């Protein structure tokens, strides 16, 4: 009887293992079938201008990216050892792993593998912990892999399981600890022969380290080799990342790489990138000469061609006619138009831009009808360039430009769902673009999980959507988001929930927040931000990296008011950081002149508008120029793409920085200056005057409120966002240096 019981138990375990293997085979076959479904690659930089035209493509790409993650896991999942002799064959951890496999969620699978490892012993446990890490690495979820590495405790046994796999994981750990050079050598110098999974994992890590070290050409080279080991959606996503790497390299880097490339496939990728950026009219020729290249067979080049003719339709200035500037010089938008005009005059008179032509600045009014009338009059004078309109609702007037019209530099973007008129260049300080830049910077800073907190109005939702799309497309994970009432002053209830704040019931208030968030993105005006940041810090998030958009800073230093934004990282115009250069800084004279303006940020915006007009020829040849607002380049759709600088508020002043991992984050409630708070910092209440009444959302056409200035006076806040409306200030109150309109 006992023998029969043993045999039945053995048969039962054998039957369970057989079912498990069949289940794995079904899942693998399903992945294989799904991987052949079409999914175009998604790019994030040079293709950013296609966002409105390819919304449906992005939806497809997200689905494709989910498949990519699972395809990267196939080897790890298929090789999971389930020992039929273990008494844990039907344990809770194994059942959870089965469910995770069925969910096709790499994070769940890797976590379940680590939990299942706890039921094993010796080398079997070590092997399963290794596979959990490999699952996360294959999905390029390095934040998860880092977390799992900290949970593993069998590292001493890893070389006995597999020396090469152990070496790869050692290299990963060295990278996460900041030893990039050692990590690269460890991963690169792997003994051969390699299994396909080891070869793939090696290239993934090498590419990621190169990207972290800002070596885009080297990263693209690794991904070109990796592409040969991938299929389906995984290959598509890898090609998209490869393209992003090439897009972040400058023309000289690409040219040098083209001369040195020895691999035919990689050389062809470089050739495509050069054609795209310097000779867009030759894209068809390149495609015809490379019919079997992955960029062609995947449909990637079809996307490039779909909008590649817009920029080629932009004419160059001809004749010696004047540069005519059409901006509002009266009414509600007068302060904005004046700051832009001052910047244009400065660029012409002091920087020598368009020095061979005169500049005429004319009032365009603030309506479509008034701009149309001003445009008709301007065209009658045979100008060489027209700069304007400023407001979004005035752009439709450009749709009926005559065939012989000069180039037009619009100072805004078309409304959602519409395209830029042919022959028009669009240049703006868009909060949407800033949000996408913040997403890109967070990923570069290895902040792979984020919280999002934005105003509950049209601008706040736009910023949130732009950030979320870019962040998730780049591989980040949004853990949670929330929208606050723009007129609110107390954000405690939402922040407690968003941060998952906990605190001991006994003793002083020492809050603890969730540990899975690596950063938070905030979409708010400067007035709102000065209330949100201190409350974030008060609830224990003072060391949670926080990012926002450039509209929170108008360019005028105001340490008294801005100390309540300490720690905040924003994209910023380089000229606004030049105060830190010292008297001999190359940008310092430009900063000193801009600082005299009521609105320094828009002054710089105007100066660069004329710089663009004077440099259309190199821009059309896809060469970047360095302006006061950042590095400027022209996309194939005719939009100026701006690469900003980055700054962080420290003691109320915006300081230049590169990344966010620079030690303690400046806090509004905790003093980290002595570094004595490292063990258990004491949280202090924010100063009573750090929370001031909100003045409204600052984005609509209603009258804006006021905010404190250095002089202690209260002034009105004009607001300019995408031409959506500037709040008309009371007739008796003028805007101050501290109350900047927010340019699109």
Foldseek 3Di string as FASTA:
>chain_A
DVVVVVVVLLVVLVVLVVVVLVLLVVLVVVLVVVLADFAAADAFPLCVVCCQVCVVNLVSLLVLLLSLLLQLLSVLVNPLDQDSPAPCNPPPLVVQLSVVSVVSDLLSNLVSLLVVLVSDDDVNSVVSLLSSLSSCLSSVVLVSSQVSVVVDDPLVCVVVNPVQSSLLSVLSVCVVVPNLVVSLCSLVPGDDDDDLSSLLSSLSVNLVSCVLVLNLLSSLVSLLVNLVSDGGSSSNHSVNVSLNSLVPDAPVVLVVCLVVDDDPLSNLSSVLSLCQQFPLVCLVVSCVVCVPRPCNVSCVSVSSVVQLCQLVQADAFDDQAAAEEEEACDDQCNLLLVLLVLLQVCLVPPVVFSVSHHYHYDYQDQALVSVLVVVVVVVVRVHREYEDDQFQRNQVSVQPDDSPGHAYEYAFAHDRNDAHHGNYFYEWQAQLLQLLLQLVLCVSLVQQEEEEEFAPDPNRVSSVVSNVSNNVSVPHHYPYYDHDHQQDQDCQVVLCVRFVWDADPDDDGQIDGDDPGQAYEYHAELLNLLRVQQSCVLRPCQQRQYEYEPNNDQLAQFLVQQLSNFLYKYFWFQLSQCVVVPPPDPSPVVNVVLNVRLGSRSSQVSNVSSVCSRPVVVQSSNHWDQGRRAIWHARSSNYIRGDTFMWGQDSRGTHGDRHRPPPGGHGQFWDCPVVPPVPPTDGDRHDPVSRDRRQGRLAAQAWTFWDAGPVRDTATAFAEHNSRHTHRGPPVGDDGSRRYHRMD
